[in-house]
Amino acid sequence: MLKKARKRKENNIFANVPKIMDILLPDILKENKDYVYLGYNKYSRHFVLTIFPEQTWIRLVR
C-alpha cells in the first residue's frame, strides 16, 4: 500500500518575536510636572538647561 503524503504545517519561528519598538517603549507613559511615570515602579526625571551657565554645582540630597 502507498501511504498518502501528509502536508506539514509550516511554523514561522519569527511570529512571536517582539518588534524593536515594543521593547523600547514602556507600557504606560504618564507625564507630570516634575517626573515621568513609565510603569510599575519606574520613574524618570529630566533636567533641561536653556542656557549654559559658567559654573554649575550639584547638590546631593539624602
PDB file of N, CA and C in Angstrom:
ATOM      1  N   MET A   1       0.828  -1.181   0.000  1.00  0.00           N
ATOM      2  CA  MET A   1       0.000   0.000   0.000  1.00  0.00           C
ATOM      3  C   MET A   1       0.873   1.244   0.000  1.00  0.00           C
ATOM      4  N   LEU A   2       0.401   2.225  -0.669  1.00  0.00           N
ATOM      5  CA  LEU A   2       1.093   3.502  -0.684  1.00  0.00           C
ATOM      6  C   LEU A   2       0.478   4.422   0.360  1.00  0.00           C
ATOM      7  N   LYS A   3       1.337   5.063   1.111  1.00  0.00           N
ATOM      8  CA  LYS A   3       0.846   5.995   2.121  1.00  0.00           C
ATOM      9  C   LYS A   3       0.716   7.366   1.496  1.00  0.00           C
ATOM     10  N   LYS A   4      -0.313   8.059   1.910  1.00  0.00           N
ATOM     11  CA  LYS A   4      -0.506   9.427   1.429  1.00  0.00           C
ATOM     12  C   LYS A   4       0.493  10.350   2.108  1.00  0.00           C
ATOM     13  N   ALA A   5       1.010  11.254   1.338  1.00  0.00           N
ATOM     14  CA  ALA A   5       1.945  12.240   1.906  1.00  0.00           C
ATOM     15  C   ALA A   5       1.151  13.273   2.698  1.00  0.00           C
ATOM     16  N   ARG A   6       1.546  13.459   3.942  1.00  0.00           N
ATOM     17  CA  ARG A   6       0.865  14.449   4.783  1.00  0.00           C
ATOM     18  C   ARG A   6       1.461  15.822   4.524  1.00  0.00           C
ATOM     19  N   LYS A   7       0.596  16.789   4.518  1.00  0.00           N
ATOM     20  CA  LYS A   7       1.066  18.157   4.392  1.00  0.00           C
ATOM     21  C   LYS A   7       1.470  18.644   5.774  1.00  0.00           C
ATOM     22  N   ARG A   8       2.674  19.127   5.864  1.00  0.00           N
ATOM     23  CA  ARG A   8       3.150  19.649   7.141  1.00  0.00           C
ATOM     24  C   ARG A   8       2.836  21.132   7.216  1.00  0.00           C
ATOM     25  N   LYS A   9       2.391  21.505   8.372  1.00  0.00           N
ATOM     26  CA  LYS A   9       2.122  22.912   8.612  1.00  0.00           C
ATOM     27  C   LYS A   9       3.438  23.607   8.929  1.00  0.00           C
ATOM     28  N   GLU A  10       3.746  24.644   8.185  1.00  0.00           N
ATOM     29  CA  GLU A  10       4.991  25.369   8.416  1.00  0.00           C
ATOM     30  C   GLU A  10       4.826  26.304   9.603  1.00  0.00           C
ATOM     31  N   ASN A  11       5.765  26.242  10.511  1.00  0.00           N
ATOM     32  CA  ASN A  11       5.753  27.118  11.673  1.00  0.00           C
ATOM     33  C   ASN A  11       6.712  28.268  11.433  1.00  0.00           C
ATOM     34  N   ASN A  12       6.203  29.464  11.599  1.00  0.00           N
ATOM     35  CA  ASN A  12       7.038  30.647  11.459  1.00  0.00           C
ATOM     36  C   ASN A  12       7.672  30.922  12.817  1.00  0.00           C
ATOM     37  N   ILE A  13       8.990  30.721  12.917  1.00  0.00           N
ATOM     38  CA  ILE A  13       9.660  30.906  14.203  1.00  0.00           C
ATOM     39  C   ILE A  13       9.777  32.378  14.586  1.00  0.00           C
ATOM     40  N   PHE A  14       9.553  33.286  13.655  1.00  0.00           N
ATOM     41  CA  PHE A  14       9.652  34.713  13.933  1.00  0.00           C
ATOM     42  C   PHE A  14       8.296  35.355  14.222  1.00  0.00           C
ATOM     43  N   ALA A  15       7.242  34.577  14.328  1.00  0.00           N
ATOM     44  CA  ALA A  15       5.901  35.130  14.527  1.00  0.00           C
ATOM     45  C   ALA A  15       5.742  35.780  15.900  1.00  0.00           C
ATOM     46  N   ASN A  16       6.350  35.211  16.926  1.00  0.00           N
ATOM     47  CA  ASN A  16       6.169  35.712  18.291  1.00  0.00           C
ATOM     48  C   ASN A  16       7.345  36.551  18.789  1.00  0.00           C
ATOM     49  N   VAL A  17       8.223  36.948  17.918  1.00  0.00           N
ATOM     50  CA  VAL A  17       9.352  37.786  18.307  1.00  0.00           C
ATOM     51  C   VAL A  17       8.869  39.231  18.392  1.00  0.00           C
ATOM     52  N   PRO A  18       9.102  39.898  19.539  1.00  0.00           N
ATOM     53  CA  PRO A  18       8.634  41.288  19.657  1.00  0.00           C
ATOM     54  C   PRO A  18       9.429  42.222  18.748  1.00  0.00           C
ATOM     55  N   LYS A  19       8.755  43.229  18.274  1.00  0.00           N
ATOM     56  CA  LYS A  19       9.405  44.231  17.434  1.00  0.00           C
ATOM     57  C   LYS A  19      10.240  45.159  18.317  1.00  0.00           C
ATOM     58  N   ILE A  20      11.164  45.872  17.721  1.00  0.00           N
ATOM     59  CA  ILE A  20      12.077  46.733  18.467  1.00  0.00           C
ATOM     60  C   ILE A  20      11.334  47.841  19.207  1.00  0.00           C
ATOM     61  N   MET A  21      10.269  48.377  18.626  1.00  0.00           N
ATOM     62  CA  MET A  21       9.505  49.433  19.292  1.00  0.00           C
ATOM     63  C   MET A  21       8.744  48.890  20.498  1.00  0.00           C
ATOM     64  N   ASP A  22       8.333  47.633  20.462  1.00  0.00           N
ATOM     65  CA  ASP A  22       7.672  47.029  21.620  1.00  0.00           C
ATOM     66  C   ASP A  22       8.633  46.870  22.792  1.00  0.00           C
ATOM     67  N   ILE A  23       9.897  46.664  22.495  1.00  0.00           N
ATOM     68  CA  ILE A  23      10.893  46.506  23.549  1.00  0.00           C
ATOM     69  C   ILE A  23      11.271  47.864  24.143  1.00  0.00           C
ATOM     70  N   LEU A  24      11.424  48.867  23.297  1.00  0.00           N
ATOM     71  CA  LEU A  24      11.895  50.167  23.757  1.00  0.00           C
ATOM     72  C   LEU A  24      10.828  51.013  24.441  1.00  0.00           C
ATOM     73  N   LEU A  25       9.591  50.935  23.984  1.00  0.00           N
ATOM     74  CA  LEU A  25       8.534  51.771  24.537  1.00  0.00           C
ATOM     75  C   LEU A  25       7.946  51.143  25.800  1.00  0.00           C
ATOM     76  N   PRO A  26       7.691  51.946  26.820  1.00  0.00           N
ATOM     77  CA  PRO A  26       7.083  51.401  28.040  1.00  0.00           C
ATOM     78  C   PRO A  26       5.595  51.123  27.835  1.00  0.00           C
ATOM     79  N   ASP A  27       5.030  50.310  28.737  1.00  0.00           N
ATOM     80  CA  ASP A  27       3.608  50.001  28.664  1.00  0.00           C
ATOM     81  C   ASP A  27       2.757  51.215  29.018  1.00  0.00           C
ATOM     82  N   ILE A  28       3.213  52.000  29.971  1.00  0.00           N
ATOM     83  CA  ILE A  28       2.486  53.183  30.434  1.00  0.00           C
ATOM     84  C   ILE A  28       3.426  54.378  30.342  1.00  0.00           C
ATOM     85  N   LEU A  29       2.907  55.497  29.909  1.00  0.00           N
ATOM     86  CA  LEU A  29       3.690  56.728  29.882  1.00  0.00           C
ATOM     87  C   LEU A  29       2.790  57.852  30.352  1.00  0.00           C
ATOM     88  N   LYS A  30       3.090  58.376  31.552  1.00  0.00           N
ATOM     89  CA  LYS A  30       2.289  59.433  32.136  1.00  0.00           C
ATOM     90  C   LYS A  30       3.215  60.576  32.536  1.00  0.00           C
ATOM     91  N   GLU A  31       2.994  61.744  31.956  1.00  0.00           N
ATOM     92  CA  GLU A  31       3.835  62.898  32.233  1.00  0.00           C
ATOM     93  C   GLU A  31       3.219  63.751  33.330  1.00  0.00           C
ATOM     94  N   ASN A  32       4.019  64.097  34.315  1.00  0.00           N
ATOM     95  CA  ASN A  32       3.630  65.028  35.367  1.00  0.00           C
ATOM     96  C   ASN A  32       4.544  66.240  35.306  1.00  0.00           C
ATOM     97  N   LYS A  33       4.351  67.173  36.213  1.00  0.00           N
ATOM     98  CA  LYS A  33       5.112  68.417  36.179  1.00  0.00           C
ATOM     99  C   LYS A  33       6.613  68.195  36.357  1.00  0.00           C
ATOM    100  N   ASP A  34       7.002  67.325  37.289  1.00  0.00           N
ATOM    101  CA  ASP A  34       8.417  67.170  37.580  1.00  0.00           C
ATOM    102  C   ASP A  34       8.969  65.762  37.365  1.00  0.00           C
ATOM    103  N   TYR A  35       8.180  64.835  36.855  1.00  0.00           N
ATOM    104  CA  TYR A  35       8.681  63.497  36.566  1.00  0.00           C
ATOM    105  C   TYR A  35       7.803  62.827  35.506  1.00  0.00           C
ATOM    106  N   VAL A  36       8.306  61.711  34.995  1.00  0.00           N
ATOM    107  CA  VAL A  36       7.579  60.903  34.010  1.00  0.00           C
ATOM    108  C   VAL A  36       7.423  59.511  34.600  1.00  0.00           C
ATOM    109  N   TYR A  37       6.204  58.997  34.612  1.00  0.00           N
ATOM    110  CA  TYR A  37       5.910  57.652  35.122  1.00  0.00           C
ATOM    111  C   TYR A  37       5.933  56.688  33.940  1.00  0.00           C
ATOM    112  N   LEU A  38       6.774  55.642  34.022  1.00  0.00           N
ATOM    113  CA  LEU A  38       6.961  54.719  32.911  1.00  0.00           C
ATOM    114  C   LEU A  38       6.383  53.331  33.165  1.00  0.00           C
ATOM    115  N   GLY A  39       5.640  53.154  34.216  1.00  0.00           N
ATOM    116  CA  GLY A  39       5.073  51.852  34.515  1.00  0.00           C
ATOM    117  C   GLY A  39       5.315  51.501  35.969  1.00  0.00           C
ATOM    118  N   TYR A  40       5.157  50.260  36.301  1.00  0.00           N
ATOM    119  CA  TYR A  40       5.256  49.781  37.677  1.00  0.00           C
ATOM    120  C   TYR A  40       6.624  50.108  38.269  1.00  0.00           C
ATOM    121  N   ASN A  41       6.656  51.002  39.255  1.00  0.00           N
ATOM    122  CA  ASN A  41       7.865  51.426  39.974  1.00  0.00           C
ATOM    123  C   ASN A  41       8.975  51.932  39.065  1.00  0.00           C
ATOM    124  N   LYS A  42       8.628  52.537  37.951  1.00  0.00           N
ATOM    125  CA  LYS A  42       9.634  53.099  37.043  1.00  0.00           C
ATOM    126  C   LYS A  42       9.322  54.576  36.838  1.00  0.00           C
ATOM    127  N   TYR A  43      10.204  55.414  37.341  1.00  0.00           N
ATOM    128  CA  TYR A  43      10.056  56.852  37.217  1.00  0.00           C
ATOM    129  C   TYR A  43      11.294  57.418  36.541  1.00  0.00           C
ATOM    130  N   SER A  44      11.109  58.526  35.876  1.00  0.00           N
ATOM    131  CA  SER A  44      12.228  59.201  35.237  1.00  0.00           C
ATOM    132  C   SER A  44      12.086  60.696  35.478  1.00  0.00           C
ATOM    133  N   ARG A  45      13.208  61.349  35.731  1.00  0.00           N
ATOM    134  CA  ARG A  45      13.205  62.791  35.934  1.00  0.00           C
ATOM    135  C   ARG A  45      14.168  63.406  34.930  1.00  0.00           C
ATOM    136  N   HIS A  46      13.750  64.501  34.321  1.00  0.00           N
ATOM    137  CA  HIS A  46      14.551  65.147  33.284  1.00  0.00           C
ATOM    138  C   HIS A  46      14.927  66.549  33.729  1.00  0.00           C
ATOM    139  N   PHE A  47      16.132  66.923  33.407  1.00  0.00           N
ATOM    140  CA  PHE A  47      16.610  68.273  33.676  1.00  0.00           C
ATOM    141  C   PHE A  47      16.996  68.908  32.344  1.00  0.00           C
ATOM    142  N   VAL A  48      16.570  70.134  32.161  1.00  0.00           N
ATOM    143  CA  VAL A  48      16.827  70.828  30.904  1.00  0.00           C
ATOM    144  C   VAL A  48      17.500  72.159  31.202  1.00  0.00           C
ATOM    145  N   LEU A  49      18.556  72.470  30.466  1.00  0.00           N
ATOM    146  CA  LEU A  49      19.223  73.757  30.567  1.00  0.00           C
ATOM    147  C   LEU A  49      18.887  74.571  29.326  1.00  0.00           C
ATOM    148  N   THR A  50      18.400  75.771  29.550  1.00  0.00           N
ATOM    149  CA  THR A  50      18.096  76.621  28.393  1.00  0.00           C
ATOM    150  C   THR A  50      19.295  77.464  27.994  1.00  0.00           C
ATOM    151  N   ILE A  51      20.169  77.753  28.959  1.00  0.00           N
ATOM    152  CA  ILE A  51      21.430  78.437  28.670  1.00  0.00           C
ATOM    153  C   ILE A  51      22.534  77.676  29.382  1.00  0.00           C
ATOM    154  N   PHE A  52      23.727  77.795  28.896  1.00  0.00           N
ATOM    155  CA  PHE A  52      24.856  77.115  29.511  1.00  0.00           C
ATOM    156  C   PHE A  52      25.492  78.030  30.551  1.00  0.00           C
ATOM    157  N   PRO A  53      25.435  77.667  31.838  1.00  0.00           N
ATOM    158  CA  PRO A  53      25.998  78.543  32.879  1.00  0.00           C
ATOM    159  C   PRO A  53      27.525  78.464  32.909  1.00  0.00           C
ATOM    160  N   GLU A  54      28.141  79.486  33.471  1.00  0.00           N
ATOM    161  CA  GLU A  54      29.591  79.493  33.604  1.00  0.00           C
ATOM    162  C   GLU A  54      30.048  78.512  34.683  1.00  0.00           C
ATOM    163  N   GLN A  55      29.273  78.407  35.763  1.00  0.00           N
ATOM    164  CA  GLN A  55      29.609  77.479  36.836  1.00  0.00           C
ATOM    165  C   GLN A  55      28.368  76.666  37.182  1.00  0.00           C
ATOM    166  N   THR A  56      28.609  75.409  37.544  1.00  0.00           N
ATOM    167  CA  THR A  56      27.497  74.522  37.877  1.00  0.00           C
ATOM    168  C   THR A  56      27.850  73.738  39.128  1.00  0.00           C
ATOM    169  N   TRP A  57      26.901  73.587  40.049  1.00  0.00           N
ATOM    170  CA  TRP A  57      27.077  72.809  41.255  1.00  0.00           C
ATOM    171  C   TRP A  57      25.978  71.760  41.317  1.00  0.00           C
ATOM    172  N   ILE A  58      26.345  70.628  41.835  1.00  0.00           N
ATOM    173  CA  ILE A  58      25.376  69.549  42.044  1.00  0.00           C
ATOM    174  C   ILE A  58      25.298  69.295  43.539  1.00  0.00           C
ATOM    175  N   ARG A  59      24.082  69.356  44.071  1.00  0.00           N
ATOM    176  CA  ARG A  59      23.871  69.120  45.492  1.00  0.00           C
ATOM    177  C   ARG A  59      23.094  67.832  45.653  1.00  0.00           C
ATOM    178  N   LEU A  60      23.670  66.898  46.373  1.00  0.00           N
ATOM    179  CA  LEU A  60      23.009  65.627  46.613  1.00  0.00           C
ATOM    180  C   LEU A  60      22.171  65.718  47.871  1.00  0.00           C
ATOM    181  N   VAL A  61      20.928  65.326  47.782  1.00  0.00           N
ATOM    182  CA  VAL A  61      20.012  65.353  48.924  1.00  0.00           C
ATOM    183  C   VAL A  61      19.830  63.926  49.401  1.00  0.00           C
ATOM    184  N   ARG A  62      20.112  63.684  50.660  1.00  0.00           N
ATOM    185  CA  ARG A  62      19.972  62.317  51.204  1.00  0.00           C
ATOM    186  C   ARG A  62      18.856  62.243  52.177  1.00  0.00           C
TER     187      ARG A  62
END
